[in-house]
Protein backbone atom coordinates (compact mmCIF):
# COMPACT_ATOMS: atom_id res chain seq x y z
CA MET A 1 -91.33 -70.26 86.60
CA LYS A 2 -94.11 -72.42 85.12
CA LEU A 3 -96.81 -73.18 87.66
CA GLY A 4 -100.20 -74.88 87.80
CA ILE A 5 -103.13 -74.16 90.11
CA VAL A 6 -105.90 -76.76 90.48
CA GLY A 7 -109.14 -75.25 91.78
CA LEU A 8 -110.03 -71.61 91.05
CA GLY A 9 -112.23 -70.59 93.94
CA TYR A 10 -111.66 -68.08 96.75
CA VAL A 11 -108.22 -69.60 97.37
CA GLY A 12 -106.97 -70.72 93.98
CA LEU A 13 -107.76 -67.68 91.84
CA PRO A 14 -106.14 -65.03 94.11
CA LEU A 15 -103.14 -67.37 94.46
CA ALA A 16 -102.84 -67.71 90.69
CA LEU A 17 -102.93 -63.92 90.28
CA ALA A 18 -100.30 -63.45 92.99
CA PHE A 19 -97.95 -65.75 91.08
CA THR A 20 -98.59 -64.05 87.73
CA GLU A 21 -97.93 -60.69 89.38
CA ALA A 22 -94.54 -62.11 90.40
CA GLY A 23 -93.86 -62.92 86.74
CA ASN A 24 -94.74 -66.62 86.70
CA ASP A 25 -96.55 -68.39 83.87
CA VAL A 26 -99.64 -70.06 85.40
CA VAL A 27 -101.95 -72.74 84.05
CA ALA A 28 -105.20 -72.30 85.99
CA LEU A 29 -107.28 -75.50 86.03
CA ASP A 30 -110.90 -75.93 87.07
CA THR A 31 -113.65 -78.35 86.07
CA ASP A 32 -116.38 -75.67 86.21
CA PRO A 33 -117.07 -74.43 82.64
CA ALA A 34 -118.70 -71.25 83.97
CA LYS A 35 -115.54 -70.19 85.81
CA LEU A 36 -113.37 -70.89 82.78
CA ALA A 37 -115.72 -68.90 80.55
CA ASP A 38 -115.61 -65.95 82.96
CA LEU A 39 -111.82 -66.05 83.08
CA ALA A 40 -111.57 -66.22 79.31
CA ALA A 41 -113.80 -63.15 79.08
CA GLY A 42 -111.90 -61.30 81.79
CA ARG A 43 -114.83 -61.39 84.23
CA SER A 44 -114.17 -61.98 87.90
CA TYR A 45 -116.57 -64.11 89.93
CA ILE A 46 -114.84 -63.35 93.25
CA GLU A 47 -115.35 -60.07 95.12
CA ASP A 48 -111.68 -59.82 96.11
CA VAL A 49 -110.55 -59.97 92.47
CA ALA A 50 -111.25 -57.07 90.11
CA ASP A 51 -111.77 -57.52 86.38
CA ALA A 52 -108.75 -55.27 85.84
CA GLU A 53 -106.57 -57.77 87.69
CA LEU A 54 -107.63 -60.53 85.32
CA THR A 55 -106.89 -58.29 82.35
CA ALA A 56 -103.42 -57.53 83.69
CA ALA A 57 -102.75 -61.23 84.33
CA ALA A 58 -104.11 -62.48 81.00
CA PRO A 59 -100.74 -62.85 79.19
CA LEU A 60 -99.49 -65.18 81.95
CA LEU A 61 -102.77 -66.85 83.04
CA HIS A 62 -104.01 -69.82 81.03
CA PRO A 63 -107.42 -71.22 82.09
CA THR A 64 -107.99 -74.90 81.28
CA SER A 65 -109.87 -78.02 82.30
CA ASP A 66 -107.26 -80.43 80.88
CA TYR A 67 -104.78 -81.96 83.34
CA ALA A 68 -102.44 -82.65 80.42
CA ASP A 69 -101.73 -78.91 80.35
CA LEU A 70 -99.94 -79.34 83.69
CA GLU A 71 -97.27 -81.68 82.34
CA ASP A 72 -94.73 -78.91 81.69
CA ARG A 73 -95.28 -77.21 85.04
CA GLU A 74 -92.46 -77.11 87.58
CA ALA A 75 -94.93 -76.96 90.48
CA VAL A 76 -98.66 -77.60 90.87
CA ILE A 77 -100.74 -76.32 93.79
CA ILE A 78 -104.01 -78.06 94.70
CA CYS A 79 -106.76 -75.78 96.04
CA VAL A 80 -109.91 -77.91 95.70
CA PRO A 81 -112.83 -77.93 98.18
CA THR A 82 -112.73 -80.25 101.20
CA PRO A 83 -116.30 -80.03 102.55
CA LEU A 84 -118.14 -82.22 105.02
CA SER A 85 -120.41 -85.07 104.01
CA GLY A 86 -124.06 -85.22 105.00
CA SER A 87 -123.01 -87.10 108.13
CA ARG A 88 -120.52 -84.31 109.04
CA GLU A 89 -117.45 -86.37 108.18
CA PRO A 90 -114.59 -85.26 105.87
CA ASP A 91 -115.40 -85.45 102.16
CA LEU A 92 -112.11 -85.80 100.32
CA SER A 93 -113.67 -86.80 96.99
CA TYR A 94 -112.59 -83.60 95.20
CA LEU A 95 -109.06 -84.00 96.51
CA ARG A 96 -108.82 -87.66 95.53
CA GLU A 97 -110.18 -86.96 92.04
CA ALA A 98 -107.72 -84.13 91.51
CA ALA A 99 -104.77 -86.18 92.79
CA ALA A 100 -105.66 -89.19 90.64
CA ALA A 101 -105.97 -87.00 87.54
CA LEU A 102 -102.73 -85.22 88.36
CA ALA A 103 -100.92 -88.54 88.88
CA GLU A 104 -101.63 -89.52 85.27
CA HIS A 105 -99.59 -86.52 84.11
CA LEU A 106 -97.00 -86.26 86.89
CA GLN A 107 -93.54 -85.49 85.53
CA PRO A 108 -90.09 -86.13 87.06
CA GLY A 109 -89.01 -83.34 89.39
CA GLN A 110 -92.43 -81.76 89.78
CA LEU A 111 -93.41 -80.21 93.11
CA ILE A 112 -97.00 -80.83 94.27
CA VAL A 113 -98.36 -78.70 97.10
CA LEU A 114 -101.70 -79.18 98.80
CA GLU A 115 -103.38 -76.04 100.20
CA SER A 116 -106.86 -77.48 100.85
CA THR A 117 -107.65 -77.75 104.56
CA SER A 118 -107.84 -81.29 105.94
CA TYR A 119 -106.98 -83.42 108.95
CA PRO A 120 -103.40 -84.30 109.93
CA GLY A 121 -102.12 -87.12 107.73
CA THR A 122 -104.03 -86.23 104.56
CA THR A 123 -100.96 -85.26 102.53
CA ARG A 124 -99.02 -88.36 103.53
CA GLU A 125 -101.86 -90.89 103.70
CA GLU A 126 -104.08 -89.75 100.84
CA LEU A 127 -102.01 -87.74 98.36
CA LEU A 128 -98.69 -89.56 98.53
CA PRO A 129 -100.04 -93.04 97.59
CA LEU A 130 -102.01 -91.61 94.66
CA LEU A 131 -98.97 -89.75 93.33
CA SER A 132 -96.68 -92.77 93.83
CA VAL A 133 -98.65 -95.22 91.69
CA ASP A 134 -95.87 -95.44 89.10
CA GLY A 135 -93.24 -96.17 91.73
CA GLY A 136 -91.70 -92.72 91.97
CA THR A 137 -89.82 -91.81 95.12
CA VAL A 138 -90.95 -88.69 96.95
CA GLY A 139 -88.11 -86.26 97.60
CA ALA A 140 -86.21 -87.52 94.57
CA ASP A 141 -88.49 -88.27 91.60
CA PHE A 142 -91.16 -85.78 92.70
CA PHE A 143 -91.73 -83.50 95.66
CA LEU A 144 -94.78 -83.16 97.92
CA ALA A 145 -95.69 -80.65 100.64
CA PHE A 146 -98.62 -79.15 102.49
CA SER A 147 -99.04 -75.38 102.84
CA PRO A 148 -102.36 -74.29 104.36
CA GLU A 149 -104.28 -71.45 102.76
CA ARG A 150 -104.75 -68.52 105.11
CA ILE A 151 -106.91 -66.25 102.98
CA ASP A 152 -109.72 -64.40 104.75
CA PRO A 153 -112.13 -63.36 101.96
CA GLY A 154 -113.29 -59.77 102.08
CA ARG A 155 -110.38 -58.25 104.01
CA SER A 156 -107.48 -56.26 102.62
CA ASP A 157 -105.36 -55.54 105.71
CA HIS A 158 -103.75 -58.99 105.57
CA THR A 159 -102.82 -60.19 102.09
CA ILE A 160 -101.15 -63.23 100.58
CA ARG A 161 -97.86 -61.36 100.69
CA THR A 162 -98.06 -60.09 104.26
CA THR A 163 -99.55 -63.21 105.90
CA PRO A 164 -96.78 -65.64 106.96
CA LYS A 165 -96.85 -68.85 104.92
CA LEU A 166 -96.48 -72.27 106.55
CA VAL A 167 -94.95 -75.18 104.62
CA GLY A 168 -94.32 -78.77 105.64
CA GLY A 169 -92.76 -81.23 103.21
CA ILE A 170 -92.70 -85.02 103.22
CA THR A 171 -88.89 -84.73 103.13
CA PRO A 172 -86.49 -81.83 103.77
CA ALA A 173 -85.95 -81.53 100.01
CA CYS A 174 -89.73 -81.17 99.57
CA SER A 175 -89.82 -78.42 102.17
CA ASP A 176 -86.95 -76.58 100.49
CA ARG A 177 -88.72 -76.65 97.15
CA ALA A 178 -91.97 -75.42 98.69
CA ARG A 179 -90.21 -72.65 100.60
CA ALA A 180 -88.53 -71.38 97.41
CA LEU A 181 -91.88 -71.46 95.60
CA TYR A 182 -93.76 -69.33 98.13
CA GLU A 183 -90.91 -66.91 98.80
CA GLN A 184 -91.81 -65.38 95.44
CA ILE A 185 -95.16 -64.11 96.76
CA CYS A 186 -94.89 -64.15 100.59
CA ASP A 187 -92.66 -61.96 102.75
CA THR A 188 -92.34 -64.68 105.40
CA VAL A 189 -92.24 -68.44 104.89
CA GLU A 190 -92.10 -70.68 107.96
CA VAL A 191 -90.79 -74.20 107.33
CA LEU A 192 -92.27 -76.81 109.68
CA SER A 193 -91.06 -80.30 110.44
CA SER A 194 -93.79 -82.19 108.57
CA PRO A 195 -97.04 -81.90 106.62
CA GLU A 196 -98.90 -83.15 109.68
CA THR A 197 -97.66 -80.21 111.74
CA ALA A 198 -98.80 -77.75 109.07
CA GLU A 199 -102.15 -79.50 108.72
CA LEU A 200 -102.82 -79.36 112.45
CA ALA A 201 -101.63 -75.75 112.73
CA LYS A 202 -104.26 -74.76 110.18
CA LEU A 203 -106.99 -76.55 112.11
CA LEU A 204 -105.84 -75.01 115.39
CA GLU A 205 -106.05 -71.49 113.92
CA ASN A 206 -109.69 -71.92 113.01
CA ILE A 207 -110.73 -74.03 115.99
CA PHE A 208 -109.34 -71.30 118.24
CA ARG A 209 -111.81 -68.91 116.61
CA SER A 210 -114.62 -71.46 116.72
CA VAL A 211 -114.20 -72.06 120.45
CA ASN A 212 -114.11 -68.36 121.27
CA ILE A 213 -117.12 -67.60 119.06
CA ALA A 214 -119.00 -70.38 120.84
CA LEU A 215 -118.04 -68.87 124.20
CA VAL A 216 -119.28 -65.39 123.33
CA ASN A 217 -122.47 -66.82 121.80
CA GLU A 218 -123.20 -68.62 125.07
CA VAL A 219 -122.52 -65.40 126.97
CA ALA A 220 -124.96 -63.62 124.66
CA GLN A 221 -127.69 -66.13 125.52
CA LEU A 222 -126.95 -65.70 129.23
CA CYS A 223 -127.04 -61.91 128.88
CA ASP A 224 -130.47 -62.20 127.29
CA ARG A 225 -131.75 -64.02 130.38
CA LEU A 226 -130.03 -61.60 132.76
CA GLY A 227 -131.26 -58.52 130.94
CA ILE A 228 -127.70 -57.32 130.27
CA ASP A 229 -126.48 -55.84 126.97
CA VAL A 230 -123.92 -58.34 125.65
CA TRP A 231 -122.40 -55.74 123.33
CA GLU A 232 -121.64 -53.47 126.27
CA VAL A 233 -120.10 -56.44 128.08
CA VAL A 234 -117.84 -57.27 125.12
CA ASP A 235 -116.88 -53.61 124.67
CA ALA A 236 -115.97 -53.40 128.35
CA ALA A 237 -113.89 -56.60 128.36
CA ALA A 238 -112.08 -55.47 125.21
CA THR A 239 -110.66 -52.43 127.03
CA LYS A 240 -108.21 -54.75 128.79
CA PRO A 241 -104.90 -54.41 126.93
CA PHE A 242 -103.74 -57.96 127.70
CA GLY A 243 -105.21 -61.42 128.26
CA PHE A 244 -108.39 -60.80 126.26
CA MET A 245 -109.06 -61.05 122.53
CA ARG A 246 -112.32 -59.64 121.24
CA PHE A 247 -114.88 -61.96 119.63
CA ASP A 248 -118.40 -60.78 118.83
CA PRO A 249 -121.58 -62.85 119.12
CA GLY A 250 -123.71 -63.51 116.08
CA PRO A 251 -126.20 -65.84 114.39
CA GLY A 252 -123.66 -68.63 113.91
CA MET A 253 -120.59 -69.40 111.82
CA GLY A 254 -120.25 -69.87 108.09
CA GLY A 255 -117.69 -70.23 105.34
CA HIS A 256 -115.37 -72.97 104.16
CA CYS A 257 -113.28 -73.29 107.33
CA LEU A 258 -114.72 -72.39 110.73
CA PRO A 259 -117.83 -74.62 110.68
CA VAL A 260 -115.88 -77.47 109.07
CA ASP A 261 -112.47 -77.67 110.73
CA PRO A 262 -113.61 -78.86 114.19
CA PHE A 263 -115.20 -81.90 112.54
CA TYR A 264 -112.00 -82.66 110.61
CA LEU A 265 -109.99 -82.67 113.83
CA ALA A 266 -112.62 -84.69 115.71
CA PHE A 267 -112.68 -87.29 112.91
CA LYS A 268 -108.91 -87.80 113.07
CA ALA A 269 -108.90 -87.80 116.87
CA ARG A 270 -111.46 -90.61 117.04
CA GLU A 271 -109.18 -92.77 114.90
CA HIS A 272 -106.73 -92.59 117.79
CA ASP A 273 -109.33 -93.21 120.52
CA PHE A 274 -109.27 -89.59 121.58
CA TYR A 275 -112.43 -87.54 121.91
CA PRO A 276 -111.89 -83.76 121.83
CA GLU A 277 -114.96 -82.91 123.89
CA PHE A 278 -114.11 -79.21 124.22
CA VAL A 279 -113.77 -78.79 120.44
CA GLU A 280 -116.90 -80.79 119.68
CA LEU A 281 -118.92 -78.83 122.25
CA ALA A 282 -117.89 -75.56 120.62
CA GLY A 283 -118.99 -76.92 117.27
CA LYS A 284 -122.35 -77.90 118.71
CA VAL A 285 -122.92 -74.48 120.32
CA ASN A 286 -122.20 -72.71 117.05
CA GLN A 287 -124.36 -75.12 115.05
CA ASP A 288 -127.25 -74.47 117.43
CA GLN A 289 -126.98 -70.66 117.26
CA PRO A 290 -129.35 -70.26 114.25
CA GLU A 291 -132.04 -72.16 116.22
CA TYR A 292 -131.56 -69.74 119.10
CA CYS A 293 -131.94 -66.80 116.70
CA VAL A 294 -135.21 -68.23 115.41
CA ARG A 295 -136.48 -68.55 118.98
CA ARG A 296 -135.66 -64.88 119.51
CA ILE A 297 -137.64 -64.00 116.37
CA GLU A 298 -140.57 -66.09 117.61
CA ARG A 299 -140.50 -64.31 120.96
CA LEU A 300 -140.32 -60.85 119.37
CA LEU A 301 -143.32 -61.59 117.17
CA ASN A 302 -145.23 -63.16 120.05
CA ASN A 303 -144.70 -60.07 122.19
CA ALA A 304 -146.23 -58.07 119.36
CA GLU A 305 -149.20 -60.49 119.32
CA LYS A 306 -148.14 -61.96 115.98
CA SER A 307 -147.54 -65.54 114.92
CA VAL A 308 -144.52 -66.68 112.97
CA LYS A 309 -146.89 -68.49 110.65
CA GLY A 310 -148.00 -66.06 107.99
CA SER A 311 -145.63 -63.28 109.08
CA LYS A 312 -143.53 -61.63 106.38
CA ILE A 313 -139.94 -61.85 107.58
CA MET A 314 -137.16 -60.17 105.65
CA ILE A 315 -133.61 -61.45 106.16
CA LEU A 316 -130.96 -58.78 105.63
CA GLY A 317 -127.80 -60.52 104.48
CA ALA A 318 -127.42 -64.07 103.15
CA ALA A 319 -123.63 -64.41 102.82
CA TYR A 320 -121.72 -65.88 105.73
CA LYS A 321 -119.76 -62.64 106.29
CA PRO A 322 -119.81 -59.01 105.12
CA GLY A 323 -118.41 -57.89 101.80
CA ILE A 324 -118.60 -61.19 99.91
CA GLY A 325 -121.18 -63.39 98.22
CA ASP A 326 -120.08 -66.72 99.69
CA THR A 327 -123.04 -68.57 101.27
CA ARG A 328 -121.24 -71.78 102.23
CA GLU A 329 -122.49 -72.88 105.67
CA SER A 330 -124.09 -69.45 106.10
CA PRO A 331 -126.31 -69.27 109.22
CA ALA A 332 -128.74 -67.15 107.21
CA LEU A 333 -129.72 -70.18 105.15
CA ARG A 334 -130.47 -72.24 108.25
CA ILE A 335 -132.48 -69.40 109.76
CA MET A 336 -134.51 -69.06 106.56
CA THR A 337 -135.21 -72.79 106.45
CA LEU A 338 -136.31 -72.95 110.08
CA LEU A 339 -138.61 -69.94 109.71
CA ALA A 340 -140.12 -71.30 106.50
CA ASP A 341 -140.80 -74.59 108.28
CA LEU A 342 -142.75 -72.59 110.87
CA GLY A 343 -144.89 -71.06 108.14
CA ALA A 344 -143.22 -67.67 107.77
CA LYS A 345 -143.15 -65.90 104.41
CA ILE A 346 -139.45 -65.31 103.77
CA SER A 347 -137.72 -62.72 101.63
CA TYR A 348 -134.13 -61.52 101.71
CA HIS A 349 -131.86 -58.77 100.47
CA ASP A 350 -128.14 -59.15 99.88
CA PRO A 351 -126.17 -56.95 97.45
CA PHE A 352 -123.66 -59.77 96.90
CA VAL A 353 -126.05 -62.74 96.61
CA PRO A 354 -128.57 -62.26 93.78
CA GLU A 355 -130.28 -65.61 94.29
CA LEU A 356 -130.47 -68.63 96.58
CA PRO A 357 -131.43 -71.68 94.52
CA SER A 358 -131.51 -73.88 97.63
CA GLN A 359 -134.20 -71.62 99.10
CA GLU A 360 -135.88 -70.89 95.75
CA LEU A 361 -135.48 -67.18 96.50
CA LYS A 362 -134.06 -64.12 94.77
CA SER A 363 -132.76 -61.01 96.49
CA VAL A 364 -135.53 -58.40 96.61
CA ASP A 365 -135.22 -54.65 96.29
CA LEU A 366 -134.36 -53.31 99.74
CA GLU A 367 -136.94 -50.53 99.88
CA ALA A 368 -139.75 -52.71 98.50
CA GLY A 369 -138.85 -55.53 100.87
CA LEU A 370 -138.82 -53.26 103.91
CA ALA A 371 -142.19 -51.77 103.00
CA ASP A 372 -143.76 -55.23 102.96
CA ALA A 373 -142.04 -56.78 106.01
CA ASP A 374 -143.56 -57.52 109.40
CA LEU A 375 -140.09 -58.11 110.81
CA LEU A 376 -136.53 -57.44 109.65
CA ALA A 377 -133.67 -59.69 110.83
CA ILE A 378 -130.12 -58.43 110.33
CA VAL A 379 -128.08 -61.58 109.83
CA THR A 380 -125.12 -60.33 107.75
CA ALA A 381 -124.10 -56.68 108.09
CA HIS A 382 -122.82 -55.57 104.69
CA LYS A 383 -121.31 -52.07 104.80
CA GLN A 384 -123.20 -51.18 101.63
CA VAL A 385 -126.49 -51.24 103.56
CA ASP A 386 -127.74 -48.38 105.75
CA HIS A 387 -128.94 -50.48 108.68
CA ALA A 388 -130.11 -47.52 110.74
CA ALA A 389 -132.39 -46.43 107.93
CA ALA A 390 -133.57 -49.98 107.33
CA VAL A 391 -134.73 -50.71 110.89
CA ALA A 392 -136.59 -47.40 110.99
CA LYS A 393 -138.84 -48.54 108.14
CA VAL A 394 -140.21 -51.77 109.65
CA PRO A 395 -142.61 -52.49 112.53
CA LEU A 396 -140.13 -54.89 114.19
CA ALA A 397 -136.43 -55.56 113.78
CA ILE A 398 -133.88 -57.82 115.41
CA ASP A 399 -130.17 -57.20 115.01
CA PHE A 400 -127.95 -60.28 115.30
CA ARG A 401 -124.75 -58.36 114.45
CA GLY A 402 -124.84 -55.39 116.80
CA VAL A 403 -124.76 -52.80 114.00
CA THR A 404 -127.68 -50.80 115.47
CA ARG A 405 -125.96 -50.13 118.79
CA GLY A 406 -126.47 -46.50 119.73
CA LEU A 407 -129.93 -46.37 118.21
CA ASP A 408 -132.74 -45.94 120.72
CA LEU A 409 -135.69 -47.31 118.75
CA PRO A 410 -138.54 -49.17 120.46
CA ASN A 411 -139.02 -51.51 117.49
CA VAL A 412 -135.42 -52.82 117.53
CA GLU A 413 -134.11 -55.72 119.60
CA ARG A 414 -130.51 -56.90 119.62
CA LEU A 415 -128.82 -60.25 120.24
């Protein structure tokens, strides 16, 4: 089968490789020249994809920036970013640009599938009109469906093949085409009644996590005031074999989904005069968590008769989660900014993030950074770092991820 993938990030590139592994010929389109150059050279820019995988896929993978190369494709999957604007409202500019460009080369019988996360109605209200500009009829002249990406970067226990795939077509014929497409690479494909159902299911998955993370973060703040170890509380609650699902506290949420999806749902809800107060409150709690972490750092320094201003604070971990280099919406960046505004001298170490242009910082050598730090803050707990050894080499340390549990060191404080 001849396929096209638009957008070669954490979603699009692994998806393209999954289809080539199944024997499909894939045109992989992106507007970033750096990504295309890396692919042409067989270099992976995503931690979950090895260079060897690109080499194996090379005969069937064709990187391009030209939408005309998609004209002979039987199906095209859109995996472009859908971030928030500066005012925390949905930014669909990448999606609209991709759809408009694709519409210029749309061929009879082509299947278009959107995987980018968005609010219910996006596929029907945004994509369908752009693809119908020449008067084609969906379900007959071309086919359109939504199938939410469910990739969790950095984990290998649930893969594209083993994670059930949701599809919702504009018409039953669209759903049938989408189901047949994904059955090549997914063991289970669930066909839903509409794109809107699939769009909302994706948001619910992530908002469920957002709400529970907000809950445990609030409990962590309460435990701090009560003098109770929140990690012991979570461990104890998690022994219940039913009715409880473990969520750990931390410095806040990051990535391309969890911090964004509540705002997508809230935006759509307001259009219908509905205000999801529970969802919005969870978003607010998680957004405020980096500020709470900075207050904890201030208190720890103050108790040691030090001021934040002028203190050398080393941040351990800049990515939003362990094992990857993705810094989108990472709480570490917010913590760095807040501390710098207070006059702290910031450095960081992250084996996956060599530099942070937005902070004008580069990752420092771990040993050199520890030797020079007044305080170490563990924000992202990469497995490649020996955290026990790290906290033993600094005057003060605060662990926002609970990785130093079991250590009885007077210089270490935990969330």
